[in-house]
Amino acid sequence: MRDPIRYGWMPVLLLCFSFVTASQADPGMPVVEVQGAATDRDQKSYRDMLAGMQVFEQQHGLAPGAVLRFKVLPRRAGVAMDSLALQLAGEHTQAAIALAADHTFVLPMDAGAAGDNASVRSNRKDKSLAWRADIRSPGLPQDTRRLGDLLLECKVAMAADLLAYVHHPINMLVVKLADPCRSLPINLFYFADRPLFSVTLIDGQRRSVLPAAMLHGTDSALMASHEDWPYLRERVYTVKFKLLYEKGWSDDTLLRFDYMDDDLNTTALAVQP
């Protein structure tokens, strides 16, 4: 029988940062501006995202030097990101959201927009995008992420309803628990900047390489239409916060990424005359 923690079966929760597979979309057909109803747009509730921002302020000590940004990534093949636009939109709210070159953005604290039932709305069809919190402490070494930053990203994502998961009643209950990120052995899928070869944990003199099973997601997407990670599978890594903190890894633990193309570049240099 497969390990239930490895495959996200315990609890039933599928906290899958996931993507529809490339075979399910025409890679030659980029997604363009949606002219239909707002319900056809890929969007998130501003009220939920505001709750995530409030969690960030309350638990800023996990990443004291960081600011909160959000990020969108393609969830399936054919989603054009170069002309992506976001806006804060409601019955009485209309404001463009500045999108950085890395597809991150900052949201304002706007009680009026929350009361207006506004949404952070894209010009892409529903289920085109994966949504993330993006929290990065300044001054980190190149190609690293900090464990405390990632934990805070998880907490914000839970509160902001950024996670792609099967909306089973048990799953919905788990998401609303006080601290599922640290208290439950759930799978949380994150994206590195490039395809991954390995990830090493570094905390002072302590070193540990993440098992290969923690890279590139599960063997198969259990319910692909509800997941947002398979399309960028080669960039995926899994963080099990409960296990890591129980084993004494600190908030300042660094995850150092070794990328597949790093090895290719090294090999190319070695064979040059």
Protein backbone atom coordinates (compact mmCIF):
# COMPACT_ATOMS: atom_id res chain seq x y z
CA MET A 1 0.00 0.00 0.00
CA ARG A 2 1.30 3.46 -0.85
CA ASP A 3 2.44 5.75 1.96
CA PRO A 4 -0.63 7.90 2.77
CA ILE A 5 1.48 10.89 3.79
CA ARG A 6 3.58 10.73 0.61
CA TYR A 7 0.45 10.70 -1.55
CA GLY A 8 -1.55 13.21 0.45
CA TRP A 9 -4.23 10.74 1.64
CA MET A 10 -3.94 11.63 5.33
CA PRO A 11 -5.96 13.54 5.94
CA VAL A 12 -8.13 13.35 2.83
CA LEU A 13 -6.84 16.79 1.90
CA LEU A 14 -5.42 17.31 -1.58
CA LEU A 15 -3.54 20.56 -1.11
CA CYS A 16 -2.23 20.31 -4.62
CA PHE A 17 -0.41 23.27 -6.10
CA SER A 18 -1.16 21.81 -9.50
CA PHE A 19 -1.65 22.14 -13.25
CA VAL A 20 -3.67 20.35 -15.93
CA THR A 21 -1.38 18.17 -18.00
CA ALA A 22 -0.15 19.41 -21.35
CA SER A 23 -2.05 16.67 -23.18
CA GLN A 24 -5.30 18.27 -22.04
CA ALA A 25 -4.73 21.56 -23.83
CA ASP A 26 -3.59 22.61 -27.27
CA PRO A 27 -0.07 24.02 -26.79
CA GLY A 28 -0.43 25.99 -30.01
CA MET A 29 -3.42 27.96 -28.77
CA PRO A 30 -2.52 30.70 -26.25
CA VAL A 31 -5.27 31.85 -23.94
CA VAL A 32 -6.42 35.35 -24.85
CA GLU A 33 -8.47 38.12 -23.25
CA VAL A 34 -11.80 36.80 -22.01
CA GLN A 35 -14.77 38.79 -23.23
CA GLY A 36 -17.43 36.76 -21.42
CA ALA A 37 -18.95 37.06 -17.97
CA ALA A 38 -16.85 37.61 -14.86
CA THR A 39 -17.57 34.06 -13.75
CA ASP A 40 -15.56 32.84 -16.78
CA ARG A 41 -12.43 34.59 -15.47
CA ASP A 42 -9.67 33.06 -13.41
CA GLN A 43 -10.09 35.06 -10.22
CA LYS A 44 -9.79 35.02 -6.45
CA SER A 45 -11.96 36.61 -3.78
CA TYR A 46 -10.39 39.82 -2.51
CA ARG A 47 -11.97 39.22 0.90
CA ASP A 48 -10.14 35.89 1.12
CA MET A 49 -6.87 37.41 -0.02
CA LEU A 50 -7.31 40.19 2.54
CA ALA A 51 -7.60 37.47 5.20
CA GLY A 52 -4.28 36.11 3.94
CA MET A 53 -2.71 39.57 4.22
CA GLN A 54 -3.93 39.81 7.80
CA VAL A 55 -2.32 36.44 8.62
CA PHE A 56 0.93 37.76 7.16
CA GLU A 57 0.81 40.80 9.47
CA GLN A 58 -0.04 38.65 12.50
CA GLN A 59 2.76 36.14 11.89
CA HIS A 60 5.31 38.40 10.27
CA GLY A 61 7.87 37.12 12.79
CA LEU A 62 8.33 34.00 10.66
CA ALA A 63 9.85 36.22 7.96
CA PRO A 64 10.58 39.53 9.69
CA GLY A 65 12.42 41.18 6.81
CA ALA A 66 10.06 40.09 4.03
CA VAL A 67 7.11 41.71 2.31
CA LEU A 68 4.05 39.90 1.04
CA ARG A 69 3.57 39.57 -2.68
CA PHE A 70 1.29 37.23 -4.56
CA LYS A 71 2.23 35.33 -7.71
CA VAL A 72 0.48 33.67 -10.64
CA LEU A 73 1.86 30.90 -12.84
CA PRO A 74 0.44 29.02 -15.84
CA ARG A 75 -1.74 26.12 -14.78
CA ARG A 76 -1.91 24.42 -18.18
CA ALA A 77 -0.28 24.47 -21.58
CA GLY A 78 -1.18 27.33 -23.90
CA VAL A 79 -1.75 29.96 -21.20
CA ALA A 80 -0.09 33.15 -22.44
CA MET A 81 1.55 35.06 -19.60
CA ASP A 82 3.12 37.93 -21.55
CA SER A 83 -0.17 39.85 -21.92
CA LEU A 84 -1.66 38.86 -18.58
CA ALA A 85 -3.54 41.62 -16.76
CA LEU A 86 -5.09 41.72 -13.28
CA GLN A 87 -7.63 44.08 -11.79
CA LEU A 88 -9.45 44.53 -8.50
CA ALA A 89 -13.07 44.50 -9.57
CA GLY A 90 -16.43 44.69 -7.83
CA GLU A 91 -19.76 46.41 -8.21
CA HIS A 92 -18.27 49.71 -7.02
CA THR A 93 -14.56 48.83 -7.32
CA GLN A 94 -12.37 49.05 -10.40
CA ALA A 95 -8.59 49.31 -10.18
CA ALA A 96 -5.72 47.89 -12.21
CA ILE A 97 -3.16 45.79 -10.34
CA ALA A 98 0.47 46.30 -11.30
CA LEU A 99 2.04 43.00 -12.36
CA ALA A 100 5.84 42.68 -12.16
CA ALA A 101 7.93 40.90 -14.77
CA ASP A 102 8.05 37.77 -12.58
CA HIS A 103 4.22 37.83 -12.39
CA THR A 104 4.14 38.90 -8.75
CA PHE A 105 1.95 41.66 -7.38
CA VAL A 106 1.03 43.51 -4.19
CA LEU A 107 -2.53 44.09 -3.05
CA PRO A 108 -3.72 47.12 -1.08
CA MET A 109 -5.55 46.78 2.24
CA ASP A 110 -8.97 47.99 1.13
CA ALA A 111 -11.92 47.40 3.46
CA GLY A 112 -14.23 48.97 0.89
CA ALA A 113 -13.27 46.43 -1.76
CA ALA A 114 -13.83 43.60 0.73
CA GLY A 115 -17.27 44.96 1.54
CA ASP A 116 -17.98 45.31 -2.18
CA ASN A 117 -17.40 41.57 -2.62
CA ALA A 118 -14.62 42.41 -5.07
CA SER A 119 -12.33 39.90 -6.73
CA VAL A 120 -8.77 39.89 -8.03
CA ARG A 121 -9.70 39.12 -11.62
CA SER A 122 -7.49 38.09 -14.52
CA ASN A 123 -8.05 38.32 -18.26
CA ARG A 124 -7.68 34.54 -18.51
CA LYS A 125 -10.28 31.79 -18.48
CA ASP A 126 -11.12 29.96 -15.27
CA LYS A 127 -8.50 27.38 -14.18
CA SER A 128 -5.79 28.96 -16.33
CA LEU A 129 -3.60 30.09 -13.43
CA ALA A 130 -1.99 28.80 -10.26
CA TRP A 131 -2.03 31.37 -7.44
CA ARG A 132 0.62 31.63 -4.71
CA ALA A 133 1.84 33.77 -1.87
CA ASP A 134 5.41 34.92 -2.55
CA ILE A 135 7.40 35.80 0.61
CA ARG A 136 11.17 36.19 0.36
CA SER A 137 13.50 37.41 3.07
CA PRO A 138 16.11 39.82 1.67
CA GLY A 139 19.79 38.97 1.41
CA LEU A 140 19.48 35.21 0.88
CA PRO A 141 22.15 33.39 -1.14
CA GLN A 142 21.36 32.78 -4.79
CA ASP A 143 19.12 29.78 -5.58
CA THR A 144 17.85 29.38 -2.02
CA ARG A 145 14.58 29.75 -0.15
CA ARG A 146 14.14 30.13 3.62
CA LEU A 147 11.97 27.64 5.55
CA GLY A 148 10.22 30.32 7.64
CA ASP A 149 9.30 32.21 4.47
CA LEU A 150 7.79 29.06 2.95
CA LEU A 151 5.84 28.28 6.12
CA LEU A 152 4.36 31.77 6.13
CA GLU A 153 3.48 31.35 2.45
CA CYS A 154 1.56 28.22 3.43
CA LYS A 155 -0.33 30.01 6.20
CA VAL A 156 -1.23 32.91 3.90
CA ALA A 157 -2.31 30.53 1.14
CA MET A 158 -4.60 28.67 3.53
CA ALA A 159 -6.28 31.85 4.74
CA ALA A 160 -6.49 33.37 1.26
CA ASP A 161 -7.95 30.23 -0.37
CA LEU A 162 -5.15 30.08 -2.92
CA LEU A 163 -4.83 26.29 -2.81
CA ALA A 164 -6.12 24.01 -5.54
CA TYR A 165 -7.80 21.06 -3.86
CA VAL A 166 -10.85 18.83 -4.03
CA HIS A 167 -13.64 20.63 -2.20
CA HIS A 168 -14.67 17.63 -0.12
CA PRO A 169 -16.21 18.72 3.24
CA ILE A 170 -13.28 17.21 5.18
CA ASN A 171 -10.76 19.06 3.01
CA MET A 172 -12.63 22.33 3.45
CA LEU A 173 -12.65 21.80 7.22
CA VAL A 174 -8.90 21.08 7.33
CA VAL A 175 -8.12 24.27 5.38
CA LYS A 176 -9.96 26.29 8.03
CA LEU A 177 -8.10 24.78 10.99
CA ALA A 178 -5.96 27.12 13.07
CA ASP A 179 -2.57 25.86 11.85
CA PRO A 180 -2.78 22.93 9.40
CA CYS A 181 0.59 23.85 7.86
CA ARG A 182 2.51 22.79 10.98
CA SER A 183 0.07 20.44 12.68
CA LEU A 184 -0.83 18.06 9.84
CA PRO A 185 1.37 15.87 7.57
CA ILE A 186 -0.07 17.36 4.38
CA ASN A 187 1.61 17.72 0.99
CA LEU A 188 2.33 21.28 -0.05
CA PHE A 189 3.69 21.67 -3.55
CA TYR A 190 5.96 24.64 -4.30
CA PHE A 191 7.57 25.77 -7.54
CA ALA A 192 11.25 26.49 -8.01
CA ASP A 193 12.33 28.94 -10.70
CA ARG A 194 13.66 26.20 -12.99
CA PRO A 195 13.49 22.39 -13.34
CA LEU A 196 14.97 20.79 -10.23
CA PHE A 197 17.71 18.20 -9.87
CA SER A 198 17.94 18.22 -6.06
CA VAL A 199 17.16 20.27 -2.93
CA THR A 200 19.47 20.44 0.09
CA LEU A 201 18.44 21.64 3.57
CA ILE A 202 21.10 23.78 5.28
CA ASP A 203 20.83 24.93 8.91
CA GLY A 204 24.16 26.03 10.30
CA GLN A 205 26.48 23.02 9.99
CA ARG A 206 23.56 20.65 9.47
CA ARG A 207 22.92 19.33 5.95
CA SER A 208 20.32 16.98 4.48
CA VAL A 209 19.31 16.29 0.89
CA LEU A 210 15.56 16.01 0.36
CA PRO A 211 14.52 12.53 -0.82
CA ALA A 212 13.88 12.23 -4.54
CA ALA A 213 10.26 11.39 -3.68
CA MET A 214 9.84 15.01 -2.49
CA LEU A 215 10.56 16.33 -5.99
CA HIS A 216 8.34 16.61 -9.06
CA GLY A 217 5.04 15.83 -7.36
CA THR A 218 3.33 12.47 -6.98
CA ASP A 219 3.62 9.69 -9.56
CA SER A 220 0.34 10.81 -11.10
CA ALA A 221 -2.13 13.60 -10.49
CA LEU A 222 -4.99 12.07 -8.51
CA MET A 223 -7.64 14.48 -9.82
CA ALA A 224 -5.97 16.59 -12.50
CA SER A 225 -8.85 19.02 -13.02
CA HIS A 226 -8.58 20.03 -9.34
CA GLU A 227 -4.79 20.28 -9.25
CA ASP A 228 -2.46 23.00 -10.46
CA TRP A 229 1.04 21.47 -10.41
CA PRO A 230 1.44 18.76 -13.12
CA TYR A 231 2.11 21.19 -15.99
CA LEU A 232 5.22 22.54 -14.21
CA ARG A 233 6.01 19.20 -12.61
CA GLU A 234 9.79 19.42 -13.16
CA ARG A 235 9.89 22.55 -10.96
CA VAL A 236 7.83 21.11 -8.09
CA TYR A 237 9.15 20.30 -4.62
CA THR A 238 7.25 19.27 -1.49
CA VAL A 239 7.69 20.73 1.98
CA LYS A 240 6.43 18.78 5.01
CA PHE A 241 6.64 21.42 7.73
CA LYS A 242 5.38 19.24 10.57
CA LEU A 243 8.12 16.66 10.04
CA LEU A 244 10.90 19.21 9.52
CA TYR A 245 10.11 21.25 12.62
CA GLU A 246 9.70 18.11 14.74
CA LYS A 247 13.23 17.16 13.66
CA GLY A 248 14.58 20.50 14.85
CA TRP A 249 15.04 22.41 11.59
CA SER A 250 14.76 26.15 12.29
CA ASP A 251 12.93 28.96 10.50
CA ASP A 252 16.32 30.08 9.14
CA THR A 253 16.92 26.74 7.40
CA LEU A 254 17.77 27.31 3.75
CA LEU A 255 16.60 25.14 0.90
CA ARG A 256 19.37 25.23 -1.70
CA PHE A 257 18.28 24.32 -5.22
CA ASP A 258 20.41 22.48 -7.74
CA TYR A 259 18.85 22.78 -11.19
CA MET A 260 18.86 20.36 -14.07
CA ASP A 261 20.33 22.92 -16.44
CA ASP A 262 23.21 23.60 -14.01
CA ASP A 263 24.46 20.07 -14.69
CA LEU A 264 24.00 20.53 -18.42
CA ASN A 265 26.00 23.77 -18.36
CA THR A 266 28.79 22.12 -16.36
CA THR A 267 28.95 19.24 -18.82
CA ALA A 268 29.06 21.62 -21.79
CA LEU A 269 31.99 23.52 -20.26
CA ALA A 270 33.86 20.28 -19.53
CA VAL A 271 33.78 19.10 -23.14
CA GLN A 272 34.90 22.38 -24.67
CA PRO A 273 38.36 22.14 -26.30
